Amino acid sequence: MGTASPALTARFRDIVARVGDAIRSQREIDARRALQRYRHLLREPHDPLPLNEIIPVSSKEDISANAHGSDACERAAGHPTFERA
């Protein structure tokens, strides 16, 4: 078996170098796009949230209200209900 000619070896190295440069350039473009897309997440927050903030507990009225805005306590106090059979 013979060895490859120096010209063929140089051409192969040139092709590999071009492919490497193209991949590197594309990665730089992708990195810039990712930074632009998510820059709002990388910024420092203006108002840091306090770690010991107390979350208020809902009242009984807030808990008993359903998605339609009616109150279960009021409905039971005299409003007719329609039940499914």
PDB file of N, CA and C in Angstrom:
ATOM      1  N   MET A   1       0.840  -1.178   0.000  1.00  0.00           N
ATOM      2  CA  MET A   1       0.000   0.000   0.000  1.00  0.00           C
ATOM      3  C   MET A   1       0.878   1.232   0.000  1.00  0.00           C
ATOM      4  N   GLY A   2       0.527   2.169  -0.809  1.00  0.00           N
ATOM      5  CA  GLY A   2       1.286   3.409  -0.873  1.00  0.00           C
ATOM      6  C   GLY A   2       0.696   4.466   0.033  1.00  0.00           C
ATOM      7  N   THR A   3       1.467   5.485   0.283  1.00  0.00           N
ATOM      8  CA  THR A   3       0.980   6.597   1.096  1.00  0.00           C
ATOM      9  C   THR A   3       0.365   7.639   0.193  1.00  0.00           C
ATOM     10  N   ALA A   4      -0.485   8.460   0.757  1.00  0.00           N
ATOM     11  CA  ALA A   4      -1.144   9.510  -0.008  1.00  0.00           C
ATOM     12  C   ALA A   4      -0.125  10.565  -0.411  1.00  0.00           C
ATOM     13  N   SER A   5      -0.385  11.167  -1.539  1.00  0.00           N
ATOM     14  CA  SER A   5       0.523  12.209  -2.008  1.00  0.00           C
ATOM     15  C   SER A   5       0.408  13.442  -1.118  1.00  0.00           C
ATOM     16  N   PRO A   6       1.482  14.223  -1.047  1.00  0.00           N
ATOM     17  CA  PRO A   6       1.441  15.442  -0.216  1.00  0.00           C
ATOM     18  C   PRO A   6       0.359  16.420  -0.662  1.00  0.00           C
ATOM     19  N   ALA A   7       0.074  16.490  -1.940  1.00  0.00           N
ATOM     20  CA  ALA A   7      -0.956  17.407  -2.436  1.00  0.00           C
ATOM     21  C   ALA A   7      -2.342  16.967  -1.958  1.00  0.00           C
ATOM     22  N   LEU A   8      -2.573  15.642  -1.986  1.00  0.00           N
ATOM     23  CA  LEU A   8      -3.859  15.120  -1.538  1.00  0.00           C
ATOM     24  C   LEU A   8      -4.032  15.322  -0.029  1.00  0.00           C
ATOM     25  N   THR A   9      -2.978  15.128   0.719  1.00  0.00           N
ATOM     26  CA  THR A   9      -3.022  15.342   2.162  1.00  0.00           C
ATOM     27  C   THR A   9      -3.295  16.807   2.485  1.00  0.00           C
ATOM     28  N   ALA A  10      -2.671  17.715   1.788  1.00  0.00           N
ATOM     29  CA  ALA A  10      -2.883  19.150   1.999  1.00  0.00           C
ATOM     30  C   ALA A  10      -4.320  19.535   1.654  1.00  0.00           C
ATOM     31  N   ARG A  11      -4.841  18.952   0.589  1.00  0.00           N
ATOM     32  CA  ARG A  11      -6.221  19.256   0.190  1.00  0.00           C
ATOM     33  C   ARG A  11      -7.200  18.748   1.252  1.00  0.00           C
ATOM     34  N   PHE A  12      -6.956  17.538   1.772  1.00  0.00           N
ATOM     35  CA  PHE A  12      -7.818  16.980   2.815  1.00  0.00           C
ATOM     36  C   PHE A  12      -7.793  17.861   4.058  1.00  0.00           C
ATOM     37  N   ARG A  13      -6.604  18.293   4.469  1.00  0.00           N
ATOM     38  CA  ARG A  13      -6.492  19.166   5.647  1.00  0.00           C
ATOM     39  C   ARG A  13      -7.212  20.488   5.425  1.00  0.00           C
ATOM     40  N   ASP A  14      -7.149  21.000   4.195  1.00  0.00           N
ATOM     41  CA  ASP A  14      -7.826  22.254   3.867  1.00  0.00           C
ATOM     42  C   ASP A  14      -9.341  22.085   3.994  1.00  0.00           C
ATOM     43  N   ILE A  15      -9.859  20.964   3.506  1.00  0.00           N
ATOM     44  CA  ILE A  15     -11.300  20.701   3.593  1.00  0.00           C
ATOM     45  C   ILE A  15     -11.724  20.572   5.055  1.00  0.00           C
ATOM     46  N   VAL A  16     -10.948  19.838   5.845  1.00  0.00           N
ATOM     47  CA  VAL A  16     -11.272  19.667   7.262  1.00  0.00           C
ATOM     48  C   VAL A  16     -11.232  21.017   7.981  1.00  0.00           C
ATOM     49  N   ALA A  17     -10.277  21.852   7.658  1.00  0.00           N
ATOM     50  CA  ALA A  17     -10.177  23.174   8.282  1.00  0.00           C
ATOM     51  C   ALA A  17     -11.376  24.042   7.911  1.00  0.00           C
ATOM     52  N   ARG A  18     -11.818  23.974   6.654  1.00  0.00           N
ATOM     53  CA  ARG A  18     -12.990  24.758   6.235  1.00  0.00           C
ATOM     54  C   ARG A  18     -14.252  24.289   6.944  1.00  0.00           C
ATOM     55  N   VAL A  19     -14.407  22.984   7.067  1.00  0.00           N
ATOM     56  CA  VAL A  19     -15.584  22.450   7.764  1.00  0.00           C
ATOM     57  C   VAL A  19     -15.553  22.883   9.235  1.00  0.00           C
ATOM     58  N   GLY A  20     -14.384  22.813   9.853  1.00  0.00           N
ATOM     59  CA  GLY A  20     -14.246  23.259  11.245  1.00  0.00           C
ATOM     60  C   GLY A  20     -14.580  24.731  11.409  1.00  0.00           C
ATOM     61  N   ASP A  21     -14.124  25.561  10.470  1.00  0.00           N
ATOM     62  CA  ASP A  21     -14.434  26.997  10.524  1.00  0.00           C
ATOM     63  C   ASP A  21     -15.940  27.247  10.360  1.00  0.00           C
ATOM     64  N   ALA A  22     -16.565  26.496   9.456  1.00  0.00           N
ATOM     65  CA  ALA A  22     -18.000  26.664   9.231  1.00  0.00           C
ATOM     66  C   ALA A  22     -18.790  26.277  10.481  1.00  0.00           C
ATOM     67  N   ILE A  23     -18.389  25.175  11.112  1.00  0.00           N
ATOM     68  CA  ILE A  23     -19.080  24.744  12.337  1.00  0.00           C
ATOM     69  C   ILE A  23     -18.880  25.770  13.446  1.00  0.00           C
ATOM     70  N   ARG A  24     -17.677  26.280  13.589  1.00  0.00           N
ATOM     71  CA  ARG A  24     -17.382  27.280  14.618  1.00  0.00           C
ATOM     72  C   ARG A  24     -18.193  28.549  14.383  1.00  0.00           C
ATOM     73  N   SER A  25     -18.272  28.986  13.135  1.00  0.00           N
ATOM     74  CA  SER A  25     -19.053  30.191  12.811  1.00  0.00           C
ATOM     75  C   SER A  25     -20.529  29.983  13.123  1.00  0.00           C
ATOM     76  N   GLN A  26     -21.051  28.807  12.787  1.00  0.00           N
ATOM     77  CA  GLN A  26     -22.456  28.540  13.060  1.00  0.00           C
ATOM     78  C   GLN A  26     -22.735  28.495  14.559  1.00  0.00           C
ATOM     79  N   ARG A  27     -21.818  27.961  15.329  1.00  0.00           N
ATOM     80  CA  ARG A  27     -21.993  27.934  16.791  1.00  0.00           C
ATOM     81  C   ARG A  27     -21.993  29.344  17.359  1.00  0.00           C
ATOM     82  N   GLU A  28     -21.157  30.228  16.825  1.00  0.00           N
ATOM     83  CA  GLU A  28     -21.152  31.628  17.280  1.00  0.00           C
ATOM     84  C   GLU A  28     -22.484  32.308  16.964  1.00  0.00           C
ATOM     85  N   ILE A  29     -23.025  32.042  15.774  1.00  0.00           N
ATOM     86  CA  ILE A  29     -24.317  32.613  15.390  1.00  0.00           C
ATOM     87  C   ILE A  29     -25.407  32.093  16.321  1.00  0.00           C
ATOM     88  N   ASP A  30     -25.406  30.791  16.590  1.00  0.00           N
ATOM     89  CA  ASP A  30     -26.406  30.206  17.484  1.00  0.00           C
ATOM     90  C   ASP A  30     -26.284  30.773  18.900  1.00  0.00           C
ATOM     91  N   ALA A  31     -25.063  30.987  19.361  1.00  0.00           N
ATOM     92  CA  ALA A  31     -24.858  31.545  20.702  1.00  0.00           C
ATOM     93  C   ALA A  31     -25.393  32.970  20.779  1.00  0.00           C
ATOM     94  N   ARG A  32     -25.140  33.769  19.743  1.00  0.00           N
ATOM     95  CA  ARG A  32     -25.659  35.143  19.729  1.00  0.00           C
ATOM     96  C   ARG A  32     -27.182  35.145  19.729  1.00  0.00           C
ATOM     97  N   ARG A  33     -27.788  34.258  18.941  1.00  0.00           N
ATOM     98  CA  ARG A  33     -29.248  34.173  18.894  1.00  0.00           C
ATOM     99  C   ARG A  33     -29.817  33.775  20.248  1.00  0.00           C
ATOM    100  N   ALA A  34     -29.176  32.827  20.914  1.00  0.00           N
ATOM    101  CA  ALA A  34     -29.650  32.396  22.229  1.00  0.00           C
ATOM    102  C   ALA A  34     -29.548  33.538  23.234  1.00  0.00           C
ATOM    103  N   LEU A  35     -28.464  34.300  23.194  1.00  0.00           N
ATOM    104  CA  LEU A  35     -28.320  35.437  24.105  1.00  0.00           C
ATOM    105  C   LEU A  35     -29.376  36.494  23.842  1.00  0.00           C
ATOM    106  N   GLN A  36     -29.680  36.736  22.575  1.00  0.00           N
ATOM    107  CA  GLN A  36     -30.712  37.721  22.256  1.00  0.00           C
ATOM    108  C   GLN A  36     -32.080  37.228  22.705  1.00  0.00           C
ATOM    109  N   ARG A  37     -32.344  35.948  22.508  1.00  0.00           N
ATOM    110  CA  ARG A  37     -33.647  35.391  22.842  1.00  0.00           C
ATOM    111  C   ARG A  37     -33.894  35.386  24.353  1.00  0.00           C
ATOM    112  N   TYR A  38     -32.849  35.119  25.130  1.00  0.00           N
ATOM    113  CA  TYR A  38     -33.025  34.961  26.573  1.00  0.00           C
ATOM    114  C   TYR A  38     -32.367  36.071  27.389  1.00  0.00           C
ATOM    115  N   ARG A  39     -32.103  37.221  26.775  1.00  0.00           N
ATOM    116  CA  ARG A  39     -31.419  38.297  27.502  1.00  0.00           C
ATOM    117  C   ARG A  39     -32.245  38.810  28.666  1.00  0.00           C
ATOM    118  N   HIS A  40     -33.576  38.727  28.562  1.00  0.00           N
ATOM    119  CA  HIS A  40     -34.417  39.170  29.676  1.00  0.00           C
ATOM    120  C   HIS A  40     -34.225  38.289  30.904  1.00  0.00           C
ATOM    121  N   LEU A  41     -33.822  37.046  30.728  1.00  0.00           N
ATOM    122  CA  LEU A  41     -33.580  36.162  31.863  1.00  0.00           C
ATOM    123  C   LEU A  41     -32.203  36.385  32.471  1.00  0.00           C
ATOM    124  N   LEU A  42     -31.289  36.950  31.695  1.00  0.00           N
ATOM    125  CA  LEU A  42     -29.924  37.151  32.161  1.00  0.00           C
ATOM    126  C   LEU A  42     -29.731  38.481  32.875  1.00  0.00           C
ATOM    127  N   ARG A  43     -30.675  39.418  32.694  1.00  0.00           N
ATOM    128  CA  ARG A  43     -30.557  40.723  33.349  1.00  0.00           C
ATOM    129  C   ARG A  43     -30.735  40.597  34.850  1.00  0.00           C
ATOM    130  N   GLU A  44     -30.133  41.516  35.573  1.00  0.00           N
ATOM    131  CA  GLU A  44     -30.289  41.568  37.023  1.00  0.00           C
ATOM    132  C   GLU A  44     -31.702  42.039  37.336  1.00  0.00           C
ATOM    133  N   PRO A  45     -32.371  41.424  38.292  1.00  0.00           N
ATOM    134  CA  PRO A  45     -33.722  41.877  38.651  1.00  0.00           C
ATOM    135  C   PRO A  45     -33.655  43.247  39.335  1.00  0.00           C
ATOM    136  N   HIS A  46     -34.634  44.083  39.015  1.00  0.00           N
ATOM    137  CA  HIS A  46     -34.662  45.422  39.601  1.00  0.00           C
ATOM    138  C   HIS A  46     -35.086  45.381  41.069  1.00  0.00           C
ATOM    139  N   ASP A  47     -36.104  44.596  41.365  1.00  0.00           N
ATOM    140  CA  ASP A  47     -36.612  44.484  42.731  1.00  0.00           C
ATOM    141  C   ASP A  47     -36.428  43.047  43.208  1.00  0.00           C
ATOM    142  N   PRO A  48     -35.407  42.803  43.999  1.00  0.00           N
ATOM    143  CA  PRO A  48     -35.240  41.430  44.483  1.00  0.00           C
ATOM    144  C   PRO A  48     -36.379  41.061  45.426  1.00  0.00           C
ATOM    145  N   LEU A  49     -36.853  39.838  45.304  1.00  0.00           N
ATOM    146  CA  LEU A  49     -37.953  39.384  46.142  1.00  0.00           C
ATOM    147  C   LEU A  49     -37.427  39.054  47.534  1.00  0.00           C
ATOM    148  N   PRO A  50     -38.121  39.524  48.559  1.00  0.00           N
ATOM    149  CA  PRO A  50     -37.677  39.178  49.921  1.00  0.00           C
ATOM    150  C   PRO A  50     -37.907  37.690  50.185  1.00  0.00           C
ATOM    151  N   LEU A  51     -36.967  37.061  50.832  1.00  0.00           N
ATOM    152  CA  LEU A  51     -37.059  35.639  51.091  1.00  0.00           C
ATOM    153  C   LEU A  51     -38.032  35.309  52.203  1.00  0.00           C
ATOM    154  N   ASN A  52     -38.296  36.258  53.079  1.00  0.00           N
ATOM    155  CA  ASN A  52     -39.171  35.982  54.217  1.00  0.00           C
ATOM    156  C   ASN A  52     -40.534  36.655  54.081  1.00  0.00           C
ATOM    157  N   GLU A  53     -41.001  36.883  52.874  1.00  0.00           N
ATOM    158  CA  GLU A  53     -42.294  37.521  52.656  1.00  0.00           C
ATOM    159  C   GLU A  53     -43.412  36.555  53.063  1.00  0.00           C
ATOM    160  N   ILE A  54     -44.424  37.078  53.767  1.00  0.00           N
ATOM    161  CA  ILE A  54     -45.547  36.267  54.216  1.00  0.00           C
ATOM    162  C   ILE A  54     -46.635  36.304  53.148  1.00  0.00           C
ATOM    163  N   ILE A  55     -47.104  35.135  52.759  1.00  0.00           N
ATOM    164  CA  ILE A  55     -48.164  35.038  51.766  1.00  0.00           C
ATOM    165  C   ILE A  55     -49.497  35.037  52.501  1.00  0.00           C
ATOM    166  N   PRO A  56     -50.409  35.965  52.156  1.00  0.00           N
ATOM    167  CA  PRO A  56     -51.689  36.027  52.867  1.00  0.00           C
ATOM    168  C   PRO A  56     -52.532  34.786  52.577  1.00  0.00           C
ATOM    169  N   VAL A  57     -53.296  34.350  53.595  1.00  0.00           N
ATOM    170  CA  VAL A  57     -54.167  33.193  53.463  1.00  0.00           C
ATOM    171  C   VAL A  57     -55.530  33.677  53.004  1.00  0.00           C
ATOM    172  N   SER A  58     -56.153  32.939  52.102  1.00  0.00           N
ATOM    173  CA  SER A  58     -57.465  33.319  51.596  1.00  0.00           C
ATOM    174  C   SER A  58     -58.518  33.208  52.688  1.00  0.00           C
ATOM    175  N   SER A  59     -59.519  34.059  52.590  1.00  0.00           N
ATOM    176  CA  SER A  59     -60.614  34.020  53.559  1.00  0.00           C
ATOM    177  C   SER A  59     -61.607  32.926  53.160  1.00  0.00           C
ATOM    178  N   LYS A  60     -62.573  32.663  54.038  1.00  0.00           N
ATOM    179  CA  LYS A  60     -63.565  31.626  53.775  1.00  0.00           C
ATOM    180  C   LYS A  60     -64.379  31.961  52.529  1.00  0.00           C
ATOM    181  N   GLU A  61     -64.681  33.245  52.335  1.00  0.00           N
ATOM    182  CA  GLU A  61     -65.458  33.655  51.168  1.00  0.00           C
ATOM    183  C   GLU A  61     -64.697  33.398  49.875  1.00  0.00           C
ATOM    184  N   ASP A  62     -63.394  33.645  49.891  1.00  0.00           N
ATOM    185  CA  ASP A  62     -62.591  33.409  48.696  1.00  0.00           C
ATOM    186  C   ASP A  62     -62.534  31.930  48.356  1.00  0.00           C
ATOM    187  N   ILE A  63     -62.480  31.101  49.373  1.00  0.00           N
ATOM    188  CA  ILE A  63     -62.359  29.668  49.142  1.00  0.00           C
ATOM    189  C   ILE A  63     -63.671  29.084  48.654  1.00  0.00           C
ATOM    190  N   SER A  64     -64.815  29.566  49.158  1.00  0.00           N
ATOM    191  CA  SER A  64     -66.101  28.971  48.811  1.00  0.00           C
ATOM    192  C   SER A  64     -66.630  29.443  47.456  1.00  0.00           C
ATOM    193  N   ALA A  65     -66.098  30.502  46.894  1.00  0.00           N
ATOM    194  CA  ALA A  65     -66.573  30.976  45.598  1.00  0.00           C
ATOM    195  C   ALA A  65     -66.103  30.021  44.510  1.00  0.00           C
ATOM    196  N   ASN A  66     -67.002  29.747  43.562  1.00  0.00           N
ATOM    197  CA  ASN A  66     -66.604  28.839  42.488  1.00  0.00           C
ATOM    198  C   ASN A  66     -66.158  29.623  41.258  1.00  0.00           C
ATOM    199  N   ALA A  67     -65.942  28.945  40.165  1.00  0.00           N
ATOM    200  CA  ALA A  67     -65.403  29.580  38.965  1.00  0.00           C
ATOM    201  C   ALA A  67     -66.364  30.574  38.342  1.00  0.00           C
ATOM    202  N   HIS A  68     -67.670  30.449  38.625  1.00  0.00           N
ATOM    203  CA  HIS A  68     -68.648  31.368  38.036  1.00  0.00           C
ATOM    204  C   HIS A  68     -68.878  32.594  38.892  1.00  0.00           C
ATOM    205  N   GLY A  69     -68.203  32.685  40.011  1.00  0.00           N
ATOM    206  CA  GLY A  69     -68.329  33.853  40.860  1.00  0.00           C
ATOM    207  C   GLY A  69     -69.451  33.753  41.872  1.00  0.00           C
ATOM    208  N   SER A  70     -70.167  32.650  41.915  1.00  0.00           N
ATOM    209  CA  SER A  70     -71.231  32.523  42.911  1.00  0.00           C
ATOM    210  C   SER A  70     -70.666  31.930  44.186  1.00  0.00           C
ATOM    211  N   ASP A  71     -71.331  32.178  45.267  1.00  0.00           N
ATOM    212  CA  ASP A  71     -70.864  31.739  46.572  1.00  0.00           C
ATOM    213  C   ASP A  71     -71.697  30.552  47.035  1.00  0.00           C
ATOM    214  N   ALA A  72     -71.060  29.473  47.430  1.00  0.00           N
ATOM    215  CA  ALA A  72     -71.764  28.270  47.868  1.00  0.00           C
ATOM    216  C   ALA A  72     -72.588  28.541  49.113  1.00  0.00           C
ATOM    217  N   CYS A  73     -72.127  29.395  50.007  1.00  0.00           N
ATOM    218  CA  CYS A  73     -72.873  29.711  51.222  1.00  0.00           C
ATOM    219  C   CYS A  73     -74.159  30.448  50.899  1.00  0.00           C
ATOM    220  N   GLU A  74     -74.126  31.402  49.958  1.00  0.00           N
ATOM    221  CA  GLU A  74     -75.309  32.153  49.570  1.00  0.00           C
ATOM    222  C   GLU A  74     -76.317  31.248  48.884  1.00  0.00           C
ATOM    223  N   ARG A  75     -75.857  30.344  48.035  1.00  0.00           N
ATOM    224  CA  ARG A  75     -76.737  29.448  47.303  1.00  0.00           C
ATOM    225  C   ARG A  75     -77.478  28.530  48.283  1.00  0.00           C
ATOM    226  N   ALA A  76     -76.815  28.078  49.314  1.00  0.00           N
ATOM    227  CA  ALA A  76     -77.441  27.197  50.282  1.00  0.00           C
ATOM    228  C   ALA A  76     -78.425  27.944  51.176  1.00  0.00           C
ATOM    229  N   ALA A  77     -78.326  29.265  51.249  1.00  0.00           N
ATOM    230  CA  ALA A  77     -79.160  30.050  52.153  1.00  0.00           C
ATOM    231  C   ALA A  77     -80.537  30.344  51.589  1.00  0.00           C
ATOM    232  N   GLY A  78     -80.889  29.902  50.397  1.00  0.00           N
ATOM    233  CA  GLY A  78     -82.230  30.188  49.911  1.00  0.00           C
ATOM    234  C   GLY A  78     -82.361  30.151  48.404  1.00  0.00           C
ATOM    235  N   HIS A  79     -81.303  30.076  47.695  1.00  0.00           N
ATOM    236  CA  HIS A  79     -81.388  30.021  46.244  1.00  0.00           C
ATOM    237  C   HIS A  79     -81.591  28.570  45.828  1.00  0.00           C
ATOM    238  N   PRO A  80     -82.482  28.331  44.863  1.00  0.00           N
ATOM    239  CA  PRO A  80     -82.698  26.941  44.428  1.00  0.00           C
ATOM    240  C   PRO A  80     -81.454  26.432  43.683  1.00  0.00           C
ATOM    241  N   THR A  81     -81.231  25.163  43.839  1.00  0.00           N
ATOM    242  CA  THR A  81     -80.107  24.534  43.137  1.00  0.00           C
ATOM    243  C   THR A  81     -80.660  23.552  42.128  1.00  0.00           C
ATOM    244  N   PHE A  82     -79.930  23.356  41.070  1.00  0.00           N
ATOM    245  CA  PHE A  82     -80.332  22.415  40.040  1.00  0.00           C
ATOM    246  C   PHE A  82     -79.307  21.295  40.038  1.00  0.00           C
ATOM    247  N   GLU A  83     -79.784  20.125  40.384  1.00  0.00           N
ATOM    248  CA  GLU A  83     -78.888  18.977  40.458  1.00  0.00           C
ATOM    249  C   GLU A  83     -79.097  18.087  39.241  1.00  0.00           C
ATOM    250  N   ARG A  84     -78.051  17.428  38.844  1.00  0.00           N
ATOM    251  CA  ARG A  84     -78.162  16.492  37.727  1.00  0.00           C
ATOM    252  C   ARG A  84     -78.767  15.197  38.221  1.00  0.00           C
ATOM    253  N   ALA A  85     -79.550  14.609  37.385  1.00  0.00           N
ATOM    254  CA  ALA A  85     -80.188  13.346  37.752  1.00  0.00           C
ATOM    255  C   ALA A  85     -79.273  12.182  37.453  1.00  0.00           C
TER     256      ALA A  85
END
